[in-house]
Every structure is written in C-alpha cells, then in structure tokens.
Amino acid sequence: MKRQVEVFTANCPVCDPVVQMVQELACDQCEIIIYDMVKQNKDKPFLNKLAEYGVNRLPAVTVNGKLLDCCRNKAITRDDLVKAGIGER
C-alpha cells in the first residue's frame, strides 16, 4: 500500500537533515512531497495543508494525512520516521 509522505520545510539547517532522512528511508511504496516554504510559488498552495494538519513548527512530516506526533513538540528522529512506516515495504 502506498504511503503519502509530506515534508514541510523552510530550507534551513534544522529542516534539511529531516528532508534527507525521509528521502534516505523512503522505499518505492512512499510517495514523497516536499513543501519548501521558501521556494514555493506566490500562490502558496501549502498554506491550507498547514492549517488542515495543525502544523505550527518546522520541519514537519505527515504520513497519509496525519501529522507525526514528534512534529508537535520535539525533534524528528530516524526512529520516529520508521515507526510511522516510512521505508516500510
């Protein structure tokens, strides 16, 4: 079953390692979408997603439309991503 993984980043030294971890862990069952707050076009299509998922800090990762618990109040770890199913076949 495909997993949609969305990563919200500000293209900063804190966010970049999380983006890299997600990309390294991802398998062919993971569809990765990266929303870069700095590079997005002027329409800012990610703003609705931020509100929908309750994202209030970056970086943030969602899997199948659910914000990972670690994104609410602590740093994102490799273990958190694996527990969320990223990279699982």
PDB file of N, CA and C in Angstrom:
ATOM      1  N   MET A   1       0.841  -1.186   0.000  1.00  0.00           N
ATOM      2  CA  MET A   1       0.000   0.000   0.000  1.00  0.00           C
ATOM      3  C   MET A   1       0.886   1.249   0.000  1.00  0.00           C
ATOM      4  N   LYS A   2       0.602   2.155  -0.901  1.00  0.00           N
ATOM      5  CA  LYS A   2       1.356   3.403  -0.993  1.00  0.00           C
ATOM      6  C   LYS A   2       1.135   4.260   0.241  1.00  0.00           C
ATOM      7  N   ARG A   3       2.201   4.955   0.641  1.00  0.00           N
ATOM      8  CA  ARG A   3       2.117   5.924   1.729  1.00  0.00           C
ATOM      9  C   ARG A   3       2.481   7.291   1.175  1.00  0.00           C
ATOM     10  N   GLN A   4       1.645   8.274   1.451  1.00  0.00           N
ATOM     11  CA  GLN A   4       1.953   9.636   1.033  1.00  0.00           C
ATOM     12  C   GLN A   4       2.658  10.326   2.198  1.00  0.00           C
ATOM     13  N   VAL A   5       3.884  10.735   1.944  1.00  0.00           N
ATOM     14  CA  VAL A   5       4.702  11.394   2.958  1.00  0.00           C
ATOM     15  C   VAL A   5       4.882  12.843   2.519  1.00  0.00           C
ATOM     16  N   GLU A   6       4.431  13.763   3.364  1.00  0.00           N
ATOM     17  CA  GLU A   6       4.576  15.187   3.073  1.00  0.00           C
ATOM     18  C   GLU A   6       5.548  15.781   4.081  1.00  0.00           C
ATOM     19  N   VAL A   7       6.514  16.526   3.565  1.00  0.00           N
ATOM     20  CA  VAL A   7       7.516  17.157   4.413  1.00  0.00           C
ATOM     21  C   VAL A   7       7.392  18.662   4.234  1.00  0.00           C
ATOM     22  N   PHE A   8       7.238  19.349   5.343  1.00  0.00           N
ATOM     23  CA  PHE A   8       7.155  20.812   5.347  1.00  0.00           C
ATOM     24  C   PHE A   8       8.487  21.339   5.861  1.00  0.00           C
ATOM     25  N   THR A   9       9.147  22.171   5.061  1.00  0.00           N
ATOM     26  CA  THR A   9      10.485  22.641   5.387  1.00  0.00           C
ATOM     27  C   THR A   9      10.627  24.121   5.074  1.00  0.00           C
ATOM     28  N   ALA A  10      11.604  24.739   5.730  1.00  0.00           N
ATOM     29  CA  ALA A  10      11.927  26.136   5.437  1.00  0.00           C
ATOM     30  C   ALA A  10      13.314  26.231   4.821  1.00  0.00           C
ATOM     31  N   ASN A  11      13.813  25.069   4.317  1.00  0.00           N
ATOM     32  CA  ASN A  11      15.115  25.050   3.652  1.00  0.00           C
ATOM     33  C   ASN A  11      16.198  25.629   4.559  1.00  0.00           C
ATOM     34  N   CYS A  12      16.236  25.144   5.813  1.00  0.00           N
ATOM     35  CA  CYS A  12      17.172  25.666   6.805  1.00  0.00           C
ATOM     36  C   CYS A  12      18.025  24.533   7.367  1.00  0.00           C
ATOM     37  N   PRO A  13      19.049  24.848   8.149  1.00  0.00           N
ATOM     38  CA  PRO A  13      19.931  23.817   8.702  1.00  0.00           C
ATOM     39  C   PRO A  13      19.233  22.827   9.640  1.00  0.00           C
ATOM     40  N   VAL A  14      18.097  23.185  10.188  1.00  0.00           N
ATOM     41  CA  VAL A  14      17.340  22.270  11.037  1.00  0.00           C
ATOM     42  C   VAL A  14      16.455  21.367  10.168  1.00  0.00           C
ATOM     43  N   CYS A  15      15.879  21.917   9.122  1.00  0.00           N
ATOM     44  CA  CYS A  15      14.959  21.173   8.261  1.00  0.00           C
ATOM     45  C   CYS A  15      15.669  20.233   7.288  1.00  0.00           C
ATOM     46  N   ASP A  16      16.770  20.665   6.741  1.00  0.00           N
ATOM     47  CA  ASP A  16      17.441  19.897   5.687  1.00  0.00           C
ATOM     48  C   ASP A  16      17.787  18.467   6.094  1.00  0.00           C
ATOM     49  N   PRO A  17      18.297  18.215   7.317  1.00  0.00           N
ATOM     50  CA  PRO A  17      18.580  16.830   7.696  1.00  0.00           C
ATOM     51  C   PRO A  17      17.325  15.956   7.757  1.00  0.00           C
ATOM     52  N   VAL A  18      16.186  16.540   8.107  1.00  0.00           N
ATOM     53  CA  VAL A  18      14.936  15.781   8.155  1.00  0.00           C
ATOM     54  C   VAL A  18      14.514  15.397   6.735  1.00  0.00           C
ATOM     55  N   VAL A  19      14.609  16.326   5.809  1.00  0.00           N
ATOM     56  CA  VAL A  19      14.293  16.033   4.410  1.00  0.00           C
ATOM     57  C   VAL A  19      15.192  14.910   3.910  1.00  0.00           C
ATOM     58  N   GLN A  20      16.475  14.996   4.220  1.00  0.00           N
ATOM     59  CA  GLN A  20      17.428  13.972   3.786  1.00  0.00           C
ATOM     60  C   GLN A  20      17.085  12.613   4.401  1.00  0.00           C
ATOM     61  N   MET A  21      16.734  12.588   5.707  1.00  0.00           N
ATOM     62  CA  MET A  21      16.363  11.327   6.362  1.00  0.00           C
ATOM     63  C   MET A  21      15.159  10.690   5.692  1.00  0.00           C
ATOM     64  N   VAL A  22      14.144  11.487   5.406  1.00  0.00           N
ATOM     65  CA  VAL A  22      12.941  10.962   4.755  1.00  0.00           C
ATOM     66  C   VAL A  22      13.304  10.378   3.397  1.00  0.00           C
ATOM     67  N   GLN A  23      14.095  11.100   2.631  1.00  0.00           N
ATOM     68  CA  GLN A  23      14.476  10.621   1.303  1.00  0.00           C
ATOM     69  C   GLN A  23      15.308   9.338   1.377  1.00  0.00           C
ATOM     70  N   GLU A  24      16.178   9.233   2.366  1.00  0.00           N
ATOM     71  CA  GLU A  24      17.003   8.030   2.521  1.00  0.00           C
ATOM     72  C   GLU A  24      16.167   6.826   2.942  1.00  0.00           C
ATOM     73  N   LEU A  25      15.181   7.052   3.807  1.00  0.00           N
ATOM     74  CA  LEU A  25      14.360   5.960   4.313  1.00  0.00           C
ATOM     75  C   LEU A  25      13.302   5.491   3.316  1.00  0.00           C
ATOM     76  N   ALA A  26      12.866   6.386   2.470  1.00  0.00           N
ATOM     77  CA  ALA A  26      11.739   6.096   1.579  1.00  0.00           C
ATOM     78  C   ALA A  26      12.003   4.890   0.697  1.00  0.00           C
ATOM     79  N   CYS A  27      10.945   4.110   0.509  1.00  0.00           N
ATOM     80  CA  CYS A  27      11.011   2.974  -0.401  1.00  0.00           C
ATOM     81  C   CYS A  27      10.074   3.267  -1.571  1.00  0.00           C
ATOM     82  N   ASP A  28       9.916   2.313  -2.457  1.00  0.00           N
ATOM     83  CA  ASP A  28       9.065   2.544  -3.621  1.00  0.00           C
ATOM     84  C   ASP A  28       7.582   2.610  -3.250  1.00  0.00           C
ATOM     85  N   GLN A  29       7.243   2.313  -2.004  1.00  0.00           N
ATOM     86  CA  GLN A  29       5.855   2.432  -1.537  1.00  0.00           C
ATOM     87  C   GLN A  29       5.567   3.820  -0.959  1.00  0.00           C
ATOM     88  N   CYS A  30       6.587   4.675  -0.891  1.00  0.00           N
ATOM     89  CA  CYS A  30       6.440   6.026  -0.337  1.00  0.00           C
ATOM     90  C   CYS A  30       6.411   7.059  -1.455  1.00  0.00           C
ATOM     91  N   GLU A  31       5.366   7.856  -1.465  1.00  0.00           N
ATOM     92  CA  GLU A  31       5.293   8.998  -2.373  1.00  0.00           C
ATOM     93  C   GLU A  31       5.646  10.221  -1.542  1.00  0.00           C
ATOM     94  N   ILE A  32       6.760  10.854  -1.848  1.00  0.00           N
ATOM     95  CA  ILE A  32       7.239  11.980  -1.049  1.00  0.00           C
ATOM     96  C   ILE A  32       6.903  13.293  -1.743  1.00  0.00           C
ATOM     97  N   ILE A  33       6.308  14.192  -0.967  1.00  0.00           N
ATOM     98  CA  ILE A  33       6.015  15.544  -1.446  1.00  0.00           C
ATOM     99  C   ILE A  33       6.691  16.493  -0.467  1.00  0.00           C
ATOM    100  N   ILE A  34       7.524  17.375  -0.994  1.00  0.00           N
ATOM    101  CA  ILE A  34       8.225  18.332  -0.138  1.00  0.00           C
ATOM    102  C   ILE A  34       7.670  19.723  -0.399  1.00  0.00           C
ATOM    103  N   TYR A  35       7.222  20.350   0.672  1.00  0.00           N
ATOM    104  CA  TYR A  35       6.730  21.726   0.607  1.00  0.00           C
ATOM    105  C   TYR A  35       7.803  22.618   1.215  1.00  0.00           C
ATOM    106  N   ASP A  36       8.501  23.341   0.380  1.00  0.00           N
ATOM    107  CA  ASP A  36       9.555  24.244   0.830  1.00  0.00           C
ATOM    108  C   ASP A  36       8.945  25.640   0.938  1.00  0.00           C
ATOM    109  N   MET A  37       8.815  26.119   2.150  1.00  0.00           N
ATOM    110  CA  MET A  37       8.160  27.408   2.394  1.00  0.00           C
ATOM    111  C   MET A  37       8.893  28.565   1.719  1.00  0.00           C
ATOM    112  N   VAL A  38      10.197  28.422   1.528  1.00  0.00           N
ATOM    113  CA  VAL A  38      10.989  29.484   0.921  1.00  0.00           C
ATOM    114  C   VAL A  38      10.835  29.489  -0.596  1.00  0.00           C
ATOM    115  N   LYS A  39      10.812  28.309  -1.200  1.00  0.00           N
ATOM    116  CA  LYS A  39      10.831  28.214  -2.660  1.00  0.00           C
ATOM    117  C   LYS A  39       9.462  28.088  -3.313  1.00  0.00           C
ATOM    118  N   GLN A  40       8.396  27.983  -2.553  1.00  0.00           N
ATOM    119  CA  GLN A  40       7.068  27.806  -3.138  1.00  0.00           C
ATOM    120  C   GLN A  40       6.674  29.024  -3.960  1.00  0.00           C
ATOM    121  N   ASN A  41       5.773  28.793  -4.897  1.00  0.00           N
ATOM    122  CA  ASN A  41       5.330  29.899  -5.741  1.00  0.00           C
ATOM    123  C   ASN A  41       4.450  30.869  -4.950  1.00  0.00           C
ATOM    124  N   LYS A  42       4.085  31.954  -5.561  1.00  0.00           N
ATOM    125  CA  LYS A  42       3.356  33.010  -4.852  1.00  0.00           C
ATOM    126  C   LYS A  42       1.974  32.583  -4.381  1.00  0.00           C
ATOM    127  N   ASP A  43       1.392  31.536  -4.965  1.00  0.00           N
ATOM    128  CA  ASP A  43       0.068  31.086  -4.534  1.00  0.00           C
ATOM    129  C   ASP A  43       0.106  30.355  -3.193  1.00  0.00           C
ATOM    130  N   LYS A  44       1.270  29.880  -2.808  1.00  0.00           N
ATOM    131  CA  LYS A  44       1.460  29.193  -1.525  1.00  0.00           C
ATOM    132  C   LYS A  44       0.416  28.102  -1.288  1.00  0.00           C
ATOM    133  N   PRO A  45       0.392  27.068  -2.133  1.00  0.00           N
ATOM    134  CA  PRO A  45      -0.621  26.016  -2.009  1.00  0.00           C
ATOM    135  C   PRO A  45      -0.524  25.210  -0.715  1.00  0.00           C
ATOM    136  N   PHE A  46       0.607  25.289  -0.039  1.00  0.00           N
ATOM    137  CA  PHE A  46       0.801  24.516   1.183  1.00  0.00           C
ATOM    138  C   PHE A  46       0.119  25.137   2.401  1.00  0.00           C
ATOM    139  N   LEU A  47      -0.295  26.381   2.324  1.00  0.00           N
ATOM    140  CA  LEU A  47      -0.884  27.054   3.491  1.00  0.00           C
ATOM    141  C   LEU A  47      -2.128  26.336   4.008  1.00  0.00           C
ATOM    142  N   ASN A  48      -2.984  25.884   3.110  1.00  0.00           N
ATOM    143  CA  ASN A  48      -4.171  25.141   3.541  1.00  0.00           C
ATOM    144  C   ASN A  48      -3.778  23.845   4.230  1.00  0.00           C
ATOM    145  N   LYS A  49      -2.746  23.196   3.729  1.00  0.00           N
ATOM    146  CA  LYS A  49      -2.285  21.944   4.336  1.00  0.00           C
ATOM    147  C   LYS A  49      -1.742  22.191   5.743  1.00  0.00           C
ATOM    148  N   LEU A  50      -1.025  23.272   5.927  1.00  0.00           N
ATOM    149  CA  LEU A  50      -0.513  23.596   7.264  1.00  0.00           C
ATOM    150  C   LEU A  50      -1.653  23.692   8.267  1.00  0.00           C
ATOM    151  N   ALA A  51      -2.706  24.387   7.888  1.00  0.00           N
ATOM    152  CA  ALA A  51      -3.865  24.543   8.766  1.00  0.00           C
ATOM    153  C   ALA A  51      -4.599  23.217   8.955  1.00  0.00           C
ATOM    154  N   GLU A  52      -4.784  22.496   7.872  1.00  0.00           N
ATOM    155  CA  GLU A  52      -5.503  21.222   7.924  1.00  0.00           C
ATOM    156  C   GLU A  52      -4.822  20.233   8.870  1.00  0.00           C
ATOM    157  N   TYR A  53      -3.482  20.165   8.811  1.00  0.00           N
ATOM    158  CA  TYR A  53      -2.741  19.202   9.623  1.00  0.00           C
ATOM    159  C   TYR A  53      -2.390  19.735  11.015  1.00  0.00           C
ATOM    160  N   GLY A  54      -2.580  21.025  11.243  1.00  0.00           N
ATOM    161  CA  GLY A  54      -2.232  21.598  12.538  1.00  0.00           C
ATOM    162  C   GLY A  54      -0.737  21.807  12.712  1.00  0.00           C
ATOM    163  N   VAL A  55      -0.047  22.044  11.613  1.00  0.00           N
ATOM    164  CA  VAL A  55       1.398  22.277  11.677  1.00  0.00           C
ATOM    165  C   VAL A  55       1.641  23.678  12.216  1.00  0.00           C
ATOM    166  N   ASN A  56       2.446  23.758  13.292  1.00  0.00           N
ATOM    167  CA  ASN A  56       2.783  25.077  13.816  1.00  0.00           C
ATOM    168  C   ASN A  56       4.273  25.224  14.098  1.00  0.00           C
ATOM    169  N   ARG A  57       5.063  24.258  13.600  1.00  0.00           N
ATOM    170  CA  ARG A  57       6.514  24.367  13.670  1.00  0.00           C
ATOM    171  C   ARG A  57       7.131  23.535  12.551  1.00  0.00           C
ATOM    172  N   LEU A  58       8.312  23.933  12.151  1.00  0.00           N
ATOM    173  CA  LEU A  58       9.011  23.248  11.072  1.00  0.00           C
ATOM    174  C   LEU A  58      10.343  22.709  11.578  1.00  0.00           C
ATOM    175  N   PRO A  59      10.811  21.646  11.011  1.00  0.00           N
ATOM    176  CA  PRO A  59      10.214  20.843   9.963  1.00  0.00           C
ATOM    177  C   PRO A  59       9.043  20.027  10.504  1.00  0.00           C
ATOM    178  N   ALA A  60       8.197  19.591   9.607  1.00  0.00           N
ATOM    179  CA  ALA A  60       7.067  18.754   9.979  1.00  0.00           C
ATOM    180  C   ALA A  60       6.870  17.691   8.906  1.00  0.00           C
ATOM    181  N   VAL A  61       6.417  16.517   9.342  1.00  0.00           N
ATOM    182  CA  VAL A  61       6.213  15.395   8.431  1.00  0.00           C
ATOM    183  C   VAL A  61       4.834  14.806   8.678  1.00  0.00           C
ATOM    184  N   THR A  62       4.111  14.529   7.596  1.00  0.00           N
ATOM    185  CA  THR A  62       2.841  13.824   7.700  1.00  0.00           C
ATOM    186  C   THR A  62       2.956  12.527   6.905  1.00  0.00           C
ATOM    187  N   VAL A  63       2.238  11.520   7.356  1.00  0.00           N
ATOM    188  CA  VAL A  63       2.147  10.258   6.631  1.00  0.00           C
ATOM    189  C   VAL A  63       0.664   9.973   6.456  1.00  0.00           C
ATOM    190  N   ASN A  64       0.251   9.842   5.209  1.00  0.00           N
ATOM    191  CA  ASN A  64      -1.153   9.610   4.867  1.00  0.00           C
ATOM    192  C   ASN A  64      -2.082  10.621   5.535  1.00  0.00           C
ATOM    193  N   GLY A  65      -1.663  11.891   5.517  1.00  0.00           N
ATOM    194  CA  GLY A  65      -2.508  12.965   6.014  1.00  0.00           C
ATOM    195  C   GLY A  65      -2.529  13.144   7.515  1.00  0.00           C
ATOM    196  N   LYS A  66      -1.643  12.457   8.236  1.00  0.00           N
ATOM    197  CA  LYS A  66      -1.608  12.574   9.698  1.00  0.00           C
ATOM    198  C   LYS A  66      -0.250  13.116  10.121  1.00  0.00           C
ATOM    199  N   LEU A  67      -0.270  14.235  10.847  1.00  0.00           N
ATOM    200  CA  LEU A  67       0.950  14.832  11.361  1.00  0.00           C
ATOM    201  C   LEU A  67       1.568  13.893  12.386  1.00  0.00           C
ATOM    202  N   LEU A  68       2.857  13.594  12.238  1.00  0.00           N
ATOM    203  CA  LEU A  68       3.528  12.727  13.199  1.00  0.00           C
ATOM    204  C   LEU A  68       3.561  13.403  14.563  1.00  0.00           C
ATOM    205  N   ASP A  69       3.347  12.624  15.607  1.00  0.00           N
ATOM    206  CA  ASP A  69       3.333  13.166  16.964  1.00  0.00           C
ATOM    207  C   ASP A  69       4.620  13.901  17.302  1.00  0.00           C
ATOM    208  N   CYS A  70       5.747  13.401  16.807  1.00  0.00           N
ATOM    209  CA  CYS A  70       7.031  14.033  17.112  1.00  0.00           C
ATOM    210  C   CYS A  70       7.110  15.460  16.573  1.00  0.00           C
ATOM    211  N   CYS A  71       6.299  15.780  15.590  1.00  0.00           N
ATOM    212  CA  CYS A  71       6.339  17.114  14.987  1.00  0.00           C
ATOM    213  C   CYS A  71       5.617  18.160  15.830  1.00  0.00           C
ATOM    214  N   ARG A  72       4.958  17.719  16.850  1.00  0.00           N
ATOM    215  CA  ARG A  72       4.204  18.644  17.697  1.00  0.00           C
ATOM    216  C   ARG A  72       5.066  19.280  18.781  1.00  0.00           C
ATOM    217  N   ASN A  73       6.068  18.533  19.290  1.00  0.00           N
ATOM    218  CA  ASN A  73       6.773  19.090  20.445  1.00  0.00           C
ATOM    219  C   ASN A  73       8.218  18.651  20.619  1.00  0.00           C
ATOM    220  N   LYS A  74       8.815  17.993  19.619  1.00  0.00           N
ATOM    221  CA  LYS A  74      10.215  17.601  19.769  1.00  0.00           C
ATOM    222  C   LYS A  74      10.865  17.443  18.406  1.00  0.00           C
ATOM    223  N   ALA A  75      12.151  17.192  18.425  1.00  0.00           N
ATOM    224  CA  ALA A  75      12.887  16.990  17.173  1.00  0.00           C
ATOM    225  C   ALA A  75      12.483  15.667  16.538  1.00  0.00           C
ATOM    226  N   ILE A  76      12.513  15.630  15.230  1.00  0.00           N
ATOM    227  CA  ILE A  76      12.164  14.426  14.475  1.00  0.00           C
ATOM    228  C   ILE A  76      13.389  13.526  14.404  1.00  0.00           C
ATOM    229  N   THR A  77      13.195  12.259  14.758  1.00  0.00           N
ATOM    230  CA  THR A  77      14.306  11.312  14.706  1.00  0.00           C
ATOM    231  C   THR A  77      14.054  10.252  13.629  1.00  0.00           C
ATOM    232  N   ARG A  78      15.111   9.556  13.296  1.00  0.00           N
ATOM    233  CA  ARG A  78      15.006   8.447  12.339  1.00  0.00           C
ATOM    234  C   ARG A  78      14.012   7.407  12.851  1.00  0.00           C
ATOM    235  N   ASP A  79      14.058   7.103  14.157  1.00  0.00           N
ATOM    236  CA  ASP A  79      13.131   6.134  14.749  1.00  0.00           C
ATOM    237  C   ASP A  79      11.676   6.569  14.581  1.00  0.00           C
ATOM    238  N   ASP A  80      11.409   7.865  14.746  1.00  0.00           N
ATOM    239  CA  ASP A  80      10.044   8.374  14.571  1.00  0.00           C
ATOM    240  C   ASP A  80       9.553   8.114  13.152  1.00  0.00           C
ATOM    241  N   LEU A  81      10.427   8.341  12.181  1.00  0.00           N
ATOM    242  CA  LEU A  81      10.046   8.149  10.776  1.00  0.00           C
ATOM    243  C   LEU A  81       9.798   6.680  10.473  1.00  0.00           C
ATOM    244  N   VAL A  82      10.649   5.816  10.995  1.00  0.00           N
ATOM    245  CA  VAL A  82      10.481   4.374  10.773  1.00  0.00           C
ATOM    246  C   VAL A  82       9.188   3.886  11.428  1.00  0.00           C
ATOM    247  N   LYS A  83       8.912   4.349  12.643  1.00  0.00           N
ATOM    248  CA  LYS A  83       7.670   3.954  13.334  1.00  0.00           C
ATOM    249  C   LYS A  83       6.438   4.392  12.559  1.00  0.00           C
ATOM    250  N   ALA A  84       6.550   5.489  11.811  1.00  0.00           N
ATOM    251  CA  ALA A  84       5.428   5.991  11.020  1.00  0.00           C
ATOM    252  C   ALA A  84       5.259   5.225   9.715  1.00  0.00           C
ATOM    253  N   GLY A  85       6.168   4.298   9.443  1.00  0.00           N
ATOM    254  CA  GLY A  85       6.040   3.466   8.249  1.00  0.00           C
ATOM    255  C   GLY A  85       6.841   3.929   7.056  1.00  0.00           C
ATOM    256  N   ILE A  86       7.632   4.979   7.216  1.00  0.00           N
ATOM    257  CA  ILE A  86       8.433   5.451   6.086  1.00  0.00           C
ATOM    258  C   ILE A  86       9.539   4.431   5.827  1.00  0.00           C
ATOM    259  N   GLY A  87       9.604   3.953   4.613  1.00  0.00           N
ATOM    260  CA  GLY A  87      10.597   2.983   4.227  1.00  0.00           C
ATOM    261  C   GLY A  87      10.127   1.547   4.351  1.00  0.00           C
ATOM    262  N   GLU A  88       8.973   1.366   4.947  1.00  0.00           N
ATOM    263  CA  GLU A  88       8.432   0.008   5.119  1.00  0.00           C
ATOM    264  C   GLU A  88       7.817  -0.453   3.807  1.00  0.00           C
ATOM    265  N   ARG A  89       8.125  -1.637   3.420  1.00  0.00           N
ATOM    266  CA  ARG A  89       7.580  -2.166   2.159  1.00  0.00           C
ATOM    267  C   ARG A  89       6.258  -2.826   2.377  1.00  0.00           C
TER     268      ARG A  89
END
